[in-house]
Amino acid sequence: MFIENRRDFLRYTSLGLATVLSSLEAKAIVPWHLGHHGDFYFHQMVQNVYIMHGAKKRDADAQCFIHNPAFIESKNGIIIIDPGASYVVGKEVLKQIQQISSKPIIAILITHYHSDHWFANGAVVEAYPDVKIYGHKNIIDSAKKMYLEGTERIISQRKAKSFHLPSYFVEDEERLEIDGEHFTIQHPKAAHCNSDIIITHQKSNIIFLGDVVLESTLGYFSNISSILENIKFLEKIAKQKRYTLYVPGHGVSGSFEHTVEPYLYYLTTIKEEVTKAYQEGQGIFELQKAQENIKHKFIWKENFNLPLRFLESHMQFVYIELENDESMFNSIL
């Protein structure tokens, strides 16, 4: 089924209350209950693809489950995309998968190096020691620096229990085959970070965007990120054929208009307003007018969380990128 818009998506994933209840009862699925966030379990989206959308807000009840793990059931096993943020989350994700299929986990695909997407690997490897873990090679260095060195290692060890980074690496435009399931990989040099991979499952035509797209929320960018390159990459996605479903790293999956378009609009608006301020000679701490213009333009976006600290950070980030671009241009001249 092709999911055309948010209304279709909600109607499709709901399946009617009676259908959902009968499906749960028939399979005797016990959902994962997370306090006031409610019950969580994998929804069959199309064919052999399942997604469990995480909690909308990070708090104690959420137990670090704020991302969107997915799995593809192949002929002989299960392929997981981004199992989650901790050993505990990994155990619960496995419980939900095992209520749907008794097949072994044969592969894990990691969209980037941030811990909320791969610290659950320990639970998967514990249960399935032969599982193969795929990702971009840049994950290794970035993850080691952020989580596996110094005092951070102790905190990370408590969450992950054991560390399992990719040992199978993929590159941009690579075609990957796992147990008869075919995937296409896209890798922007730098967007949300420098290890992003965007995964398209060919049979279902579903695209998994990782944190290159965030729906109804905002994230942070670091010294290995680029908002300007993130914009270019999403513009590239916009020119591609429409996919059946767009799965963001956080938030609800849906059509291009529901997921990619609002986030691209947000980033592009920042670029436009900050560029204007930069060209007018305003300093990095003189962007109040640009900030008000951006906030005004986002009145239209329903349920979009716009934390002021993220907006300010993103504006300053773009300003620095513009400065660096100009410095590089001047050095060439």
Protein backbone atom coordinates (compact mmCIF):
# COMPACT_ATOMS: atom_id res chain seq x y z
CA MET A 1 0.00 0.00 0.00
CA PHE A 2 1.30 3.49 -0.88
CA ILE A 3 0.94 5.93 2.01
CA GLU A 4 0.15 9.28 0.43
CA ASN A 5 -0.20 11.65 3.38
CA ARG A 6 -0.50 11.97 7.13
CA ARG A 7 -4.22 11.19 7.13
CA ASP A 8 -3.61 8.02 5.09
CA PHE A 9 -0.75 7.07 7.38
CA LEU A 10 -2.81 7.42 10.53
CA ARG A 11 -5.68 5.52 8.96
CA TYR A 12 -3.35 2.81 7.72
CA THR A 13 -1.40 2.34 10.95
CA SER A 14 -4.57 2.44 13.03
CA LEU A 15 -6.24 -0.23 10.86
CA GLY A 16 -9.42 0.47 12.75
CA LEU A 17 -9.57 -0.14 16.51
CA ALA A 18 -11.25 -3.51 16.14
CA THR A 19 -8.62 -4.77 13.71
CA VAL A 20 -5.73 -3.76 15.95
CA LEU A 21 -7.29 -5.33 19.02
CA SER A 22 -8.11 -8.56 17.22
CA SER A 23 -4.59 -8.69 15.78
CA LEU A 24 -3.03 -8.28 19.22
CA GLU A 25 -5.37 -10.88 20.68
CA ALA A 26 -4.75 -13.37 17.85
CA LYS A 27 -0.97 -13.14 18.25
CA ALA A 28 -1.13 -12.79 22.04
CA ILE A 29 1.19 -9.80 21.84
CA VAL A 30 2.02 -8.19 25.15
CA PRO A 31 2.95 -4.54 24.48
CA TRP A 32 5.84 -2.77 26.17
CA HIS A 33 4.23 -0.38 28.64
CA LEU A 34 6.07 2.87 29.35
CA GLY A 35 4.05 4.70 32.00
CA HIS A 36 2.18 7.75 30.77
CA HIS A 37 3.60 7.23 27.26
CA GLY A 38 1.39 4.17 26.85
CA ASP A 39 1.96 0.83 25.09
CA PHE A 40 4.51 0.12 22.39
CA TYR A 41 4.80 -2.72 19.91
CA PHE A 42 5.86 -3.26 16.30
CA HIS A 43 3.38 -2.33 13.59
CA GLN A 44 3.51 -4.18 10.31
CA MET A 45 3.79 -1.34 7.81
CA VAL A 46 3.98 -3.07 4.43
CA GLN A 47 4.92 -6.62 3.47
CA ASN A 48 7.70 -7.81 5.79
CA VAL A 49 8.64 -4.46 7.36
CA TYR A 50 7.81 -3.57 10.98
CA ILE A 51 8.35 -0.32 12.89
CA MET A 52 7.93 0.60 16.56
CA HIS A 53 7.82 4.38 17.03
CA GLY A 54 9.43 5.59 20.25
CA ALA A 55 8.14 7.86 22.97
CA LYS A 56 7.70 11.51 22.02
CA LYS A 57 9.51 12.95 25.02
CA ARG A 58 12.61 11.97 26.97
CA ASP A 59 11.77 11.38 30.64
CA ALA A 60 11.98 8.64 33.28
CA ASP A 61 8.97 6.74 31.95
CA ALA A 62 10.44 6.68 28.43
CA GLN A 63 13.48 4.65 29.60
CA CYS A 64 15.59 6.18 26.80
CA PHE A 65 13.21 4.75 24.18
CA ILE A 66 12.74 7.79 21.97
CA HIS A 67 13.86 6.52 18.55
CA ASN A 68 12.24 4.31 15.91
CA PRO A 69 13.62 0.74 15.73
CA ALA A 70 12.54 -1.27 12.72
CA PHE A 71 13.02 -4.77 11.41
CA ILE A 72 12.69 -6.67 8.16
CA GLU A 73 11.74 -10.32 8.28
CA SER A 74 13.78 -12.15 5.63
CA LYS A 75 13.53 -15.78 4.54
CA ASN A 76 15.83 -17.09 7.27
CA GLY A 77 16.09 -14.33 9.84
CA ILE A 78 15.51 -10.81 11.13
CA ILE A 79 17.35 -7.66 10.05
CA ILE A 80 17.12 -4.83 12.62
CA ILE A 81 17.63 -1.15 11.89
CA ASP A 82 18.76 0.87 14.95
CA PRO A 83 17.87 -1.40 17.91
CA GLY A 84 18.12 1.38 20.47
CA ALA A 85 19.69 3.35 23.28
CA SER A 86 20.58 0.80 25.95
CA TYR A 87 20.85 -2.85 26.93
CA VAL A 88 17.44 -2.59 28.62
CA VAL A 89 15.85 -1.13 25.49
CA GLY A 90 17.47 -3.87 23.43
CA LYS A 91 15.97 -6.59 25.61
CA GLU A 92 12.50 -5.08 25.24
CA VAL A 93 12.89 -4.64 21.48
CA LEU A 94 13.85 -8.31 21.22
CA LYS A 95 10.81 -9.32 23.26
CA GLN A 96 8.55 -7.48 20.85
CA ILE A 97 10.23 -9.00 17.79
CA GLN A 98 10.08 -12.50 19.22
CA GLN A 99 6.32 -12.20 19.66
CA ILE A 100 6.06 -11.73 15.89
CA SER A 101 8.74 -14.09 14.58
CA SER A 102 10.86 -16.89 16.02
CA LYS A 103 13.57 -16.39 13.41
CA PRO A 104 17.06 -15.41 14.62
CA ILE A 105 18.48 -11.90 14.34
CA ILE A 106 21.03 -12.16 11.54
CA ALA A 107 21.97 -8.51 10.95
CA ILE A 108 21.86 -5.02 12.46
CA LEU A 109 22.09 -1.82 10.41
CA ILE A 110 23.11 1.33 12.31
CA THR A 111 22.21 4.71 10.78
CA HIS A 112 24.91 6.69 12.66
CA TYR A 113 27.15 6.74 15.73
CA HIS A 114 24.89 8.31 18.37
CA SER A 115 24.28 5.97 21.30
CA ASP A 116 20.47 6.12 21.21
CA HIS A 117 20.66 4.09 18.01
CA TRP A 118 23.22 1.38 18.85
CA PHE A 119 23.80 0.88 22.60
CA ALA A 120 21.11 -1.84 22.44
CA ASN A 121 23.47 -3.93 20.30
CA GLY A 122 24.72 -5.64 23.47
CA ALA A 123 21.37 -7.26 24.14
CA VAL A 124 21.10 -8.46 20.54
CA VAL A 125 24.62 -9.89 20.44
CA GLU A 126 24.05 -11.59 23.80
CA ALA A 127 21.06 -13.43 22.35
CA TYR A 128 22.48 -13.92 18.83
CA PRO A 129 26.30 -13.97 18.92
CA ASP A 130 26.64 -14.49 15.15
CA VAL A 131 24.72 -11.36 14.20
CA LYS A 132 26.48 -9.11 11.66
CA ILE A 133 26.55 -5.38 12.38
CA TYR A 134 26.66 -2.89 9.48
CA GLY A 135 27.33 0.83 9.41
CA HIS A 136 29.58 3.51 7.95
CA LYS A 137 33.27 3.31 8.85
CA ASN A 138 33.18 6.79 10.46
CA ILE A 139 31.04 5.34 13.26
CA ILE A 140 34.07 3.68 14.81
CA ASP A 141 36.21 6.74 15.46
CA SER A 142 33.31 9.02 16.44
CA ALA A 143 31.75 6.49 18.84
CA LYS A 144 35.07 5.72 20.50
CA LYS A 145 35.82 9.39 21.10
CA MET A 146 32.38 10.19 22.50
CA TYR A 147 31.49 7.08 24.49
CA LEU A 148 34.40 4.71 24.94
CA GLU A 149 37.12 6.95 26.32
CA GLY A 150 37.63 8.77 29.63
CA THR A 151 34.86 9.15 32.21
CA GLU A 152 32.16 8.70 29.56
CA ARG A 153 33.14 5.05 29.27
CA ILE A 154 31.81 4.27 32.76
CA ILE A 155 28.43 5.88 32.05
CA SER A 156 28.25 4.23 28.64
CA GLN A 157 29.13 0.83 30.09
CA ARG A 158 26.17 1.04 32.46
CA LYS A 159 23.79 1.76 29.62
CA ALA A 160 25.17 -0.56 26.95
CA LYS A 161 26.55 -3.35 29.19
CA SER A 162 28.88 -4.30 26.32
CA PHE A 163 29.96 -2.39 23.21
CA HIS A 164 29.38 -3.78 19.74
CA LEU A 165 30.24 -1.47 16.87
CA PRO A 166 29.90 -2.35 13.17
CA SER A 167 32.46 -4.66 11.61
CA TYR A 168 30.84 -4.59 8.17
CA PHE A 169 31.05 -1.21 6.44
CA VAL A 170 28.90 0.35 3.74
CA GLU A 171 29.45 3.38 1.49
CA ASP A 172 27.41 5.84 -0.53
CA GLU A 173 25.44 4.30 -3.41
CA GLU A 174 26.27 0.79 -2.24
CA ARG A 175 23.76 -1.97 -2.89
CA LEU A 176 23.60 -4.36 0.03
CA GLU A 177 22.05 -7.82 -0.01
CA ILE A 178 21.26 -9.67 3.22
CA ASP A 179 19.47 -13.02 3.05
CA GLY A 180 17.65 -12.10 -0.14
CA GLU A 181 16.64 -8.63 1.05
CA HIS A 182 18.08 -5.75 -0.97
CA PHE A 183 19.02 -2.33 0.38
CA THR A 184 20.41 0.84 -1.19
CA ILE A 185 22.70 3.02 0.92
CA GLN A 186 23.11 6.79 0.69
CA HIS A 187 25.81 8.56 2.71
CA PRO A 188 26.08 12.35 2.88
CA LYS A 189 29.65 13.35 3.70
CA ALA A 190 28.40 15.38 6.65
CA ALA A 191 24.83 16.12 7.69
CA HIS A 192 23.52 15.23 11.14
CA CYS A 193 27.04 13.83 11.62
CA ASN A 194 29.75 12.28 9.44
CA SER A 195 28.56 8.67 9.74
CA ASP A 196 24.95 9.01 8.54
CA ILE A 197 23.62 6.32 6.27
CA ILE A 198 20.16 6.46 4.71
CA ILE A 199 18.77 3.00 4.00
CA THR A 200 16.18 2.12 1.39
CA HIS A 201 14.58 -1.32 1.53
CA GLN A 202 14.02 -2.08 -2.12
CA LYS A 203 11.09 -4.49 -1.90
CA SER A 204 8.90 -2.20 0.22
CA ASN A 205 10.32 1.09 -1.13
CA ILE A 206 10.59 2.35 2.47
CA ILE A 207 13.41 4.77 3.28
CA PHE A 208 15.01 4.91 6.75
CA LEU A 209 16.47 8.40 7.23
CA GLY A 210 18.12 8.18 10.64
CA ASP A 211 18.57 11.60 12.23
CA VAL A 212 19.10 13.37 8.90
CA VAL A 213 15.36 13.98 9.35
CA LEU A 214 13.62 14.59 12.68
CA GLU A 215 9.83 14.84 12.81
CA SER A 216 8.18 17.34 15.19
CA THR A 217 11.35 17.72 17.23
CA LEU A 218 14.88 19.09 16.92
CA GLY A 219 18.34 17.69 17.54
CA TYR A 220 21.84 19.04 17.88
CA PHE A 221 24.76 19.43 15.51
CA SER A 222 28.42 19.00 16.45
CA ASN A 223 31.85 19.66 14.95
CA ILE A 224 31.37 16.68 12.59
CA SER A 225 27.98 17.94 11.37
CA SER A 226 26.89 20.36 8.67
CA ILE A 227 23.50 22.01 8.50
CA LEU A 228 24.30 23.31 5.02
CA GLU A 229 25.16 19.80 3.80
CA ASN A 230 22.09 18.42 5.58
CA ILE A 231 20.01 20.83 3.49
CA LYS A 232 21.73 19.78 0.27
CA PHE A 233 21.14 16.12 1.03
CA LEU A 234 17.44 16.60 1.78
CA GLU A 235 17.10 18.59 -1.43
CA LYS A 236 18.59 15.55 -3.15
CA ILE A 237 16.03 13.29 -1.45
CA ALA A 238 13.27 15.67 -2.57
CA LYS A 239 14.28 15.15 -6.21
CA GLN A 240 14.18 11.35 -5.95
CA LYS A 241 11.10 9.29 -6.68
CA ARG A 242 8.59 9.27 -3.87
CA TYR A 243 9.05 6.46 -1.37
CA THR A 244 6.24 4.42 0.15
CA LEU A 245 7.14 5.60 3.65
CA TYR A 246 9.70 8.00 5.13
CA VAL A 247 11.00 6.86 8.53
CA PRO A 248 12.74 9.62 10.58
CA GLY A 249 15.15 8.86 13.39
CA HIS A 250 12.67 10.34 15.87
CA GLY A 251 9.00 11.14 15.46
CA VAL A 252 6.24 9.60 13.38
CA SER A 253 6.82 8.10 9.93
CA GLY A 254 4.74 9.26 7.01
CA SER A 255 4.77 10.87 3.60
CA PHE A 256 7.45 13.20 2.25
CA GLU A 257 5.17 16.15 3.02
CA HIS A 258 4.75 15.08 6.63
CA THR A 259 8.36 14.18 7.45
CA VAL A 260 11.06 15.54 5.15
CA GLU A 261 9.40 18.74 3.95
CA PRO A 262 8.87 20.40 7.38
CA TYR A 263 12.41 19.62 8.57
CA LEU A 264 13.92 20.81 5.28
CA TYR A 265 11.81 23.97 5.54
CA TYR A 266 13.10 24.55 9.08
CA LEU A 267 16.76 24.20 8.12
CA THR A 268 16.37 26.20 4.90
CA THR A 269 14.62 29.04 6.74
CA ILE A 270 17.52 29.25 9.19
CA LYS A 271 20.00 29.34 6.32
CA GLU A 272 18.10 32.12 4.55
CA GLU A 273 17.65 34.33 7.63
CA VAL A 274 21.17 33.86 8.98
CA THR A 275 22.69 34.44 5.53
CA LYS A 276 20.77 37.72 5.28
CA ALA A 277 22.00 38.81 8.72
CA TYR A 278 25.57 37.75 7.88
CA GLN A 279 25.55 39.71 4.62
CA GLU A 280 24.25 42.77 6.49
CA GLY A 281 27.30 42.60 8.77
CA GLN A 282 25.53 41.45 11.92
CA GLY A 283 27.61 39.45 14.40
CA ILE A 284 26.89 35.96 15.67
CA PHE A 285 25.28 37.38 18.82
CA GLU A 286 23.16 39.91 16.93
CA LEU A 287 20.68 37.52 15.35
CA GLN A 288 17.57 38.49 17.34
CA LYS A 289 15.71 39.79 14.28
CA ALA A 290 16.54 36.65 12.30
CA GLN A 291 15.37 34.53 15.22
CA GLU A 292 12.00 36.31 15.37
CA ASN A 293 11.55 35.91 11.63
CA ILE A 294 12.22 32.18 11.88
CA LYS A 295 9.85 31.71 14.82
CA HIS A 296 7.13 33.60 12.96
CA LYS A 297 7.48 31.35 9.94
CA PHE A 298 6.89 28.29 12.10
CA ILE A 299 3.45 29.21 13.39
CA TRP A 300 2.01 27.05 10.58
CA LYS A 301 3.71 23.82 11.68
CA GLU A 302 1.26 21.93 13.90
CA ASN A 303 2.74 20.21 16.99
CA PHE A 304 6.30 21.23 16.11
CA ASN A 305 8.45 21.51 19.23
CA LEU A 306 10.73 24.52 18.81
CA PRO A 307 12.98 24.73 21.88
CA LEU A 308 14.63 28.15 21.92
CA ARG A 309 18.01 26.71 22.89
CA PHE A 310 18.06 24.50 19.78
CA LEU A 311 17.03 27.34 17.50
CA GLU A 312 19.75 29.64 18.85
CA SER A 313 22.32 26.87 18.56
CA HIS A 314 21.33 26.06 14.98
CA MET A 315 21.47 29.72 13.96
CA GLN A 316 24.95 30.12 15.41
CA PHE A 317 26.02 26.87 13.77
CA VAL A 318 24.95 28.12 10.32
CA TYR A 319 26.66 31.45 10.97
CA ILE A 320 29.95 29.69 11.71
CA GLU A 321 29.55 27.53 8.60
CA LEU A 322 29.08 30.66 6.50
CA GLU A 323 32.18 32.23 8.07
CA ASN A 324 34.22 29.11 7.40
CA ASP A 325 33.03 28.92 3.79
CA GLU A 326 34.04 32.53 3.23
CA SER A 327 37.43 31.96 4.89
CA MET A 328 38.10 28.98 2.64
CA PHE A 329 37.06 30.99 -0.43
CA ASN A 330 39.33 33.90 0.55
CA SER A 331 42.27 31.56 1.20
CA ILE A 332 41.90 30.13 -2.31
CA LEU A 333 41.96 33.66 -3.79
